Amino acid sequence: MTTLLVIAKEPRPGRVKTRLTPPFTPEEAAALAEASLADTLDVVARTPARRRVLVLEGAPGPWLPPGFDVVRQCAGGLDERLAAAFAGCDGPALLIGMDTPQVTPELLTVDFSDCDAYFGPAEDGGFWALGLAQPDPSRLRGVPMSTPRTGAAQRARLTGLRVRQLPPLRDVDTAYDAALVAKAAPGGRFAAELERLAGAGR
């Protein structure tokens, strides 16, 4: 079975989802980040997996469900941190972030029997998921992160592999993204938190 990796930051004001500020305050942005992370971890917990790992910057909180190993993120750029997450796996692994609370167990239930990699493009030009049958950190190191070309650059690193593409998803980066993602997953904590903030006059 597959190891499922979630790379995330502790949802602390001023440290997460800074592009949501404004219109949201740092505290509100952190509350949305926590809801997004909780939704994501809940989906991963409900997905069949060999192992579930939270690769975390910061400390775990009450949003962490049982059944996860918590590993500290290493130092360095995001490419190095993603590479290190895969380096800690000894078999097929699928990595996602905390920014797509609309993800489902069906999307994360992958089968590497006839492919070498999975790639999930994000609508902002990045990627929301990356799976490797043989976790090779060199396929991530040096990829320029957080640019409109990140997804294309990472996809190019998979040249020579049999790649299955997952459906594109929208990351929550801006207030516009948040509204669309909440509509895509109306029953989740993220949508409820966004609605609560709207009801408070946001």
C-alpha atoms as a PDB file:
ATOM      1  CA  MET A   1       0.000   0.000   0.000  1.00  0.00           C
ATOM      2  CA  THR A   2       0.924   3.656  -0.319  1.00  0.00           C
ATOM      3  CA  THR A   3       2.359   5.978   2.304  1.00  0.00           C
ATOM      4  CA  LEU A   4       0.349   9.204   2.416  1.00  0.00           C
ATOM      5  CA  LEU A   5       2.339  12.329   3.238  1.00  0.00           C
ATOM      6  CA  VAL A   6       0.864  15.695   4.225  1.00  0.00           C
ATOM      7  CA  ILE A   7       3.273  18.621   4.352  1.00  0.00           C
ATOM      8  CA  ALA A   8       1.965  21.447   6.505  1.00  0.00           C
ATOM      9  CA  LYS A   9       2.651  24.380   8.776  1.00  0.00           C
ATOM     10  CA  GLU A  10       1.245  24.770  12.250  1.00  0.00           C
ATOM     11  CA  PRO A  11      -1.683  27.202  11.754  1.00  0.00           C
ATOM     12  CA  ARG A  12      -0.342  30.187  13.684  1.00  0.00           C
ATOM     13  CA  PRO A  13      -1.380  33.796  12.964  1.00  0.00           C
ATOM     14  CA  GLY A  14       1.110  35.576  10.742  1.00  0.00           C
ATOM     15  CA  ARG A  15       2.796  32.334   9.702  1.00  0.00           C
ATOM     16  CA  VAL A  16       0.190  30.745   7.440  1.00  0.00           C
ATOM     17  CA  LYS A  17      -2.059  31.886   4.601  1.00  0.00           C
ATOM     18  CA  THR A  18      -0.574  35.382   4.598  1.00  0.00           C
ATOM     19  CA  ARG A  19      -2.062  36.063   1.154  1.00  0.00           C
ATOM     20  CA  LEU A  20      -5.508  35.947   2.771  1.00  0.00           C
ATOM     21  CA  THR A  21      -4.548  39.095   4.682  1.00  0.00           C
ATOM     22  CA  PRO A  22      -6.296  41.315   3.745  1.00  0.00           C
ATOM     23  CA  PRO A  23      -9.260  40.952   3.683  1.00  0.00           C
ATOM     24  CA  PHE A  24      -8.880  38.577   6.633  1.00  0.00           C
ATOM     25  CA  THR A  25      -6.907  39.324   9.773  1.00  0.00           C
ATOM     26  CA  PRO A  26      -3.906  37.098  10.563  1.00  0.00           C
ATOM     27  CA  GLU A  27      -6.017  35.346  13.223  1.00  0.00           C
ATOM     28  CA  GLU A  28      -8.836  34.699  10.762  1.00  0.00           C
ATOM     29  CA  ALA A  29      -6.384  33.469   8.130  1.00  0.00           C
ATOM     30  CA  ALA A  30      -4.915  31.068  10.687  1.00  0.00           C
ATOM     31  CA  ALA A  31      -8.410  29.826  11.580  1.00  0.00           C
ATOM     32  CA  LEU A  32      -9.076  29.127   7.903  1.00  0.00           C
ATOM     33  CA  ALA A  33      -5.705  27.378   7.597  1.00  0.00           C
ATOM     34  CA  GLU A  34      -6.513  25.212  10.619  1.00  0.00           C
ATOM     35  CA  ALA A  35      -9.880  24.259   9.133  1.00  0.00           C
ATOM     36  CA  SER A  36      -8.247  23.436   5.801  1.00  0.00           C
ATOM     37  CA  LEU A  37      -5.604  21.305   7.521  1.00  0.00           C
ATOM     38  CA  ALA A  38      -8.217  19.515   9.651  1.00  0.00           C
ATOM     39  CA  ASP A  39     -10.306  18.688   6.569  1.00  0.00           C
ATOM     40  CA  THR A  40      -7.222  17.433   4.737  1.00  0.00           C
ATOM     41  CA  LEU A  41      -6.078  15.219   7.607  1.00  0.00           C
ATOM     42  CA  ASP A  42      -9.596  13.821   8.020  1.00  0.00           C
ATOM     43  CA  VAL A  43      -9.646  12.786   4.356  1.00  0.00           C
ATOM     44  CA  VAL A  44      -6.197  11.204   4.628  1.00  0.00           C
ATOM     45  CA  ALA A  45      -7.301   9.342   7.776  1.00  0.00           C
ATOM     46  CA  ARG A  46     -10.210   7.871   5.802  1.00  0.00           C
ATOM     47  CA  THR A  47      -8.028   6.818   2.849  1.00  0.00           C
ATOM     48  CA  PRO A  48      -6.515   3.304   2.822  1.00  0.00           C
ATOM     49  CA  ALA A  49      -2.774   3.645   3.384  1.00  0.00           C
ATOM     50  CA  ARG A  50       0.258   1.748   4.542  1.00  0.00           C
ATOM     51  CA  ARG A  51       1.276   4.708   6.696  1.00  0.00           C
ATOM     52  CA  ARG A  52       0.091   8.276   7.245  1.00  0.00           C
ATOM     53  CA  VAL A  53       2.718  10.939   7.908  1.00  0.00           C
ATOM     54  CA  LEU A  54       2.328  14.615   8.770  1.00  0.00           C
ATOM     55  CA  VAL A  55       5.509  16.462   7.782  1.00  0.00           C
ATOM     56  CA  LEU A  56       5.105  19.467  10.019  1.00  0.00           C
ATOM     57  CA  GLU A  57       6.695  22.851  10.573  1.00  0.00           C
ATOM     58  CA  GLY A  58       5.742  23.714  14.138  1.00  0.00           C
ATOM     59  CA  ALA A  59       3.889  21.698  16.757  1.00  0.00           C
ATOM     60  CA  PRO A  60       0.832  19.466  16.413  1.00  0.00           C
ATOM     61  CA  GLY A  61      -2.453  20.629  17.906  1.00  0.00           C
ATOM     62  CA  PRO A  62      -5.956  19.321  18.619  1.00  0.00           C
ATOM     63  CA  TRP A  63      -6.623  19.311  14.875  1.00  0.00           C
ATOM     64  CA  LEU A  64      -4.389  16.214  14.474  1.00  0.00           C
ATOM     65  CA  PRO A  65      -6.431  12.973  14.342  1.00  0.00           C
ATOM     66  CA  PRO A  66      -5.031   9.661  15.579  1.00  0.00           C
ATOM     67  CA  GLY A  67      -3.137   7.386  13.232  1.00  0.00           C
ATOM     68  CA  PHE A  68      -0.491   9.828  11.986  1.00  0.00           C
ATOM     69  CA  ASP A  69       3.247   9.803  12.463  1.00  0.00           C
ATOM     70  CA  VAL A  70       4.524  13.366  12.888  1.00  0.00           C
ATOM     71  CA  VAL A  71       7.889  14.214  11.323  1.00  0.00           C
ATOM     72  CA  ARG A  72       9.538  17.605  11.565  1.00  0.00           C
ATOM     73  CA  GLN A  73      10.251  19.420   8.323  1.00  0.00           C
ATOM     74  CA  CYS A  74      13.938  19.756   7.577  1.00  0.00           C
ATOM     75  CA  ALA A  75      15.660  23.075   7.033  1.00  0.00           C
ATOM     76  CA  GLY A  76      15.979  24.591   3.566  1.00  0.00           C
ATOM     77  CA  GLY A  77      13.708  25.618   0.729  1.00  0.00           C
ATOM     78  CA  LEU A  78      10.413  23.949  -0.056  1.00  0.00           C
ATOM     79  CA  ASP A  79      12.045  21.726  -2.673  1.00  0.00           C
ATOM     80  CA  GLU A  80      14.449  20.390  -0.031  1.00  0.00           C
ATOM     81  CA  ARG A  81      11.634  19.850   2.461  1.00  0.00           C
ATOM     82  CA  LEU A  82       9.528  17.954  -0.081  1.00  0.00           C
ATOM     83  CA  ALA A  83      12.546  15.893  -1.109  1.00  0.00           C
ATOM     84  CA  ALA A  84      13.256  15.001   2.523  1.00  0.00           C
ATOM     85  CA  ALA A  85       9.647  13.912   3.024  1.00  0.00           C
ATOM     86  CA  PHE A  86      10.012  11.397   0.200  1.00  0.00           C
ATOM     87  CA  ALA A  87      13.450  10.350   1.417  1.00  0.00           C
ATOM     88  CA  GLY A  88      11.828   9.110   4.617  1.00  0.00           C
ATOM     89  CA  CYS A  89       9.706   6.587   2.694  1.00  0.00           C
ATOM     90  CA  ASP A  90      10.751   3.079   1.744  1.00  0.00           C
ATOM     91  CA  GLY A  91       7.983   2.392  -0.747  1.00  0.00           C
ATOM     92  CA  PRO A  92       5.326   4.076  -2.873  1.00  0.00           C
ATOM     93  CA  ALA A  93       4.302   7.468  -1.497  1.00  0.00           C
ATOM     94  CA  LEU A  94       1.823  10.203  -2.360  1.00  0.00           C
ATOM     95  CA  LEU A  95       2.371  13.719  -1.004  1.00  0.00           C
ATOM     96  CA  ILE A  96      -0.171  16.513  -0.708  1.00  0.00           C
ATOM     97  CA  GLY A  97      -0.279  19.870   1.059  1.00  0.00           C
ATOM     98  CA  MET A  98      -2.758  21.484   3.458  1.00  0.00           C
ATOM     99  CA  ASP A  99      -4.252  23.861   0.873  1.00  0.00           C
ATOM    100  CA  THR A 100      -6.811  21.616  -0.852  1.00  0.00           C
ATOM    101  CA  PRO A 101      -9.500  20.763   1.715  1.00  0.00           C
ATOM    102  CA  GLN A 102     -11.801  19.721  -1.147  1.00  0.00           C
ATOM    103  CA  VAL A 103      -9.673  16.603  -1.742  1.00  0.00           C
ATOM    104  CA  THR A 104     -11.417  13.223  -1.353  1.00  0.00           C
ATOM    105  CA  PRO A 105     -10.363   9.683  -0.412  1.00  0.00           C
ATOM    106  CA  GLU A 106     -11.159   8.642  -3.981  1.00  0.00           C
ATOM    107  CA  LEU A 107      -8.563  11.076  -5.358  1.00  0.00           C
ATOM    108  CA  LEU A 108      -5.943   9.845  -2.891  1.00  0.00           C
ATOM    109  CA  THR A 109      -6.522   6.128  -3.471  1.00  0.00           C
ATOM    110  CA  VAL A 110      -3.805   5.518  -6.037  1.00  0.00           C
ATOM    111  CA  ASP A 111      -2.460   2.321  -7.587  1.00  0.00           C
ATOM    112  CA  PHE A 112       1.143   2.172  -8.739  1.00  0.00           C
ATOM    113  CA  SER A 113       0.842  -1.294 -10.321  1.00  0.00           C
ATOM    114  CA  ASP A 114       0.952   0.125 -13.858  1.00  0.00           C
ATOM    115  CA  CYS A 115       2.613   3.517 -13.388  1.00  0.00           C
ATOM    116  CA  ASP A 116       5.638   5.096 -11.731  1.00  0.00           C
ATOM    117  CA  ALA A 117       4.243   8.443 -10.656  1.00  0.00           C
ATOM    118  CA  TYR A 118       1.124  10.502 -10.059  1.00  0.00           C
ATOM    119  CA  PHE A 119       0.937  14.228 -10.682  1.00  0.00           C
ATOM    120  CA  GLY A 120      -1.859  16.534  -9.556  1.00  0.00           C
ATOM    121  CA  PRO A 121      -1.639  19.999 -11.143  1.00  0.00           C
ATOM    122  CA  ALA A 122      -2.936  23.043  -9.292  1.00  0.00           C
ATOM    123  CA  GLU A 123      -4.893  25.734 -11.078  1.00  0.00           C
ATOM    124  CA  ASP A 124      -2.335  28.396 -10.109  1.00  0.00           C
ATOM    125  CA  GLY A 125       0.439  26.649 -12.046  1.00  0.00           C
ATOM    126  CA  GLY A 126       1.797  24.646  -9.137  1.00  0.00           C
ATOM    127  CA  PHE A 127       0.871  21.134  -8.075  1.00  0.00           C
ATOM    128  CA  TRP A 128      -1.276  19.767  -5.265  1.00  0.00           C
ATOM    129  CA  ALA A 129      -0.168  16.132  -5.330  1.00  0.00           C
ATOM    130  CA  LEU A 130       2.917  14.166  -6.272  1.00  0.00           C
ATOM    131  CA  GLY A 131       3.238  10.408  -6.049  1.00  0.00           C
ATOM    132  CA  LEU A 132       6.318   8.286  -6.637  1.00  0.00           C
ATOM    133  CA  ALA A 133       6.458   4.487  -6.753  1.00  0.00           C
ATOM    134  CA  GLN A 134      10.145   4.748  -5.906  1.00  0.00           C
ATOM    135  CA  PRO A 135      10.651   7.852  -3.775  1.00  0.00           C
ATOM    136  CA  ASP A 136      13.630   9.638  -5.332  1.00  0.00           C
ATOM    137  CA  PRO A 137      14.465  12.961  -3.650  1.00  0.00           C
ATOM    138  CA  SER A 138      16.489  14.084  -6.674  1.00  0.00           C
ATOM    139  CA  ARG A 139      13.254  14.462  -8.641  1.00  0.00           C
ATOM    140  CA  LEU A 140      12.326  17.393  -6.383  1.00  0.00           C
ATOM    141  CA  ARG A 141      15.569  19.075  -5.394  1.00  0.00           C
ATOM    142  CA  GLY A 142      16.178  22.228  -7.391  1.00  0.00           C
ATOM    143  CA  VAL A 143      12.611  22.619  -8.642  1.00  0.00           C
ATOM    144  CA  PRO A 144      11.709  26.337  -8.330  1.00  0.00           C
ATOM    145  CA  MET A 145       8.784  26.564  -5.932  1.00  0.00           C
ATOM    146  CA  SER A 146       5.921  29.062  -5.589  1.00  0.00           C
ATOM    147  CA  THR A 147       6.047  30.293  -9.184  1.00  0.00           C
ATOM    148  CA  PRO A 148       3.507  30.001 -12.027  1.00  0.00           C
ATOM    149  CA  ARG A 149       5.907  27.483 -13.642  1.00  0.00           C
ATOM    150  CA  THR A 150       6.426  25.238 -10.620  1.00  0.00           C
ATOM    151  CA  GLY A 151       4.008  22.591 -11.851  1.00  0.00           C
ATOM    152  CA  ALA A 152       5.567  22.450 -15.303  1.00  0.00           C
ATOM    153  CA  ALA A 153       9.060  22.270 -13.830  1.00  0.00           C
ATOM    154  CA  GLN A 154       8.095  19.461 -11.456  1.00  0.00           C
ATOM    155  CA  ARG A 155       6.248  17.581 -14.209  1.00  0.00           C
ATOM    156  CA  ALA A 156       9.375  17.796 -16.371  1.00  0.00           C
ATOM    157  CA  ARG A 157      11.324  16.065 -13.593  1.00  0.00           C
ATOM    158  CA  LEU A 158       9.129  13.029 -14.114  1.00  0.00           C
ATOM    159  CA  THR A 159      10.308  12.557 -17.711  1.00  0.00           C
ATOM    160  CA  GLY A 160      10.996   8.906 -18.397  1.00  0.00           C
ATOM    161  CA  LEU A 161       8.420   7.699 -15.882  1.00  0.00           C
ATOM    162  CA  ARG A 162       4.951   6.366 -16.570  1.00  0.00           C
ATOM    163  CA  VAL A 163       2.857   9.196 -15.100  1.00  0.00           C
ATOM    164  CA  ARG A 164      -0.839   9.286 -14.316  1.00  0.00           C
ATOM    165  CA  GLN A 165      -2.329  12.745 -14.000  1.00  0.00           C
ATOM    166  CA  LEU A 166      -4.819  13.527 -11.264  1.00  0.00           C
ATOM    167  CA  PRO A 167      -7.552  16.135 -11.794  1.00  0.00           C
ATOM    168  CA  PRO A 168      -6.494  19.761 -11.315  1.00  0.00           C
ATOM    169  CA  LEU A 169      -7.503  21.331  -7.996  1.00  0.00           C
ATOM    170  CA  ARG A 170      -7.453  24.887  -6.674  1.00  0.00           C
ATOM    171  CA  ASP A 171      -5.153  25.762  -3.777  1.00  0.00           C
ATOM    172  CA  VAL A 172      -6.434  28.147  -1.135  1.00  0.00           C
ATOM    173  CA  ASP A 173      -4.149  31.166  -1.470  1.00  0.00           C
ATOM    174  CA  THR A 174      -6.469  34.166  -1.788  1.00  0.00           C
ATOM    175  CA  ALA A 175      -9.956  35.083  -0.597  1.00  0.00           C
ATOM    176  CA  TYR A 176     -11.227  34.372  -4.128  1.00  0.00           C
ATOM    177  CA  ASP A 177      -9.738  30.867  -3.945  1.00  0.00           C
ATOM    178  CA  ALA A 178     -11.264  30.338  -0.514  1.00  0.00           C
ATOM    179  CA  ALA A 179     -14.776  31.091  -1.757  1.00  0.00           C
ATOM    180  CA  LEU A 180     -14.473  28.687  -4.700  1.00  0.00           C
ATOM    181  CA  VAL A 181     -12.955  25.892  -2.610  1.00  0.00           C
ATOM    182  CA  ALA A 182     -15.678  26.254   0.024  1.00  0.00           C
ATOM    183  CA  LYS A 183     -18.286  25.822  -2.713  1.00  0.00           C
ATOM    184  CA  ALA A 184     -16.486  22.680  -3.905  1.00  0.00           C
ATOM    185  CA  ALA A 185     -16.580  21.158  -0.405  1.00  0.00           C
ATOM    186  CA  PRO A 186     -19.610  22.715   1.312  1.00  0.00           C
ATOM    187  CA  GLY A 187     -19.802  20.143   4.098  1.00  0.00           C
ATOM    188  CA  GLY A 188     -16.298  20.604   5.468  1.00  0.00           C
ATOM    189  CA  ARG A 189     -14.772  22.547   8.330  1.00  0.00           C
ATOM    190  CA  PHE A 190     -13.212  24.984   5.885  1.00  0.00           C
ATOM    191  CA  ALA A 191     -16.545  25.971   4.360  1.00  0.00           C
ATOM    192  CA  ALA A 192     -18.089  26.246   7.828  1.00  0.00           C
ATOM    193  CA  GLU A 193     -15.282  28.500   9.054  1.00  0.00           C
ATOM    194  CA  LEU A 194     -15.545  30.736   5.992  1.00  0.00           C
ATOM    195  CA  GLU A 195     -19.299  30.979   6.512  1.00  0.00           C
ATOM    196  CA  ARG A 196     -18.769  31.806  10.192  1.00  0.00           C
ATOM    197  CA  LEU A 197     -16.414  34.638   9.282  1.00  0.00           C
ATOM    198  CA  ALA A 198     -18.884  35.931   6.688  1.00  0.00           C
ATOM    199  CA  GLY A 199     -21.626  35.861   9.293  1.00  0.00           C
ATOM    200  CA  ALA A 200     -19.433  37.876  11.615  1.00  0.00           C
ATOM    201  CA  GLY A 201     -19.459  40.686   9.080  1.00  0.00           C
ATOM    202  CA  ARG A 202     -16.422  39.648   7.061  1.00  0.00           C
END
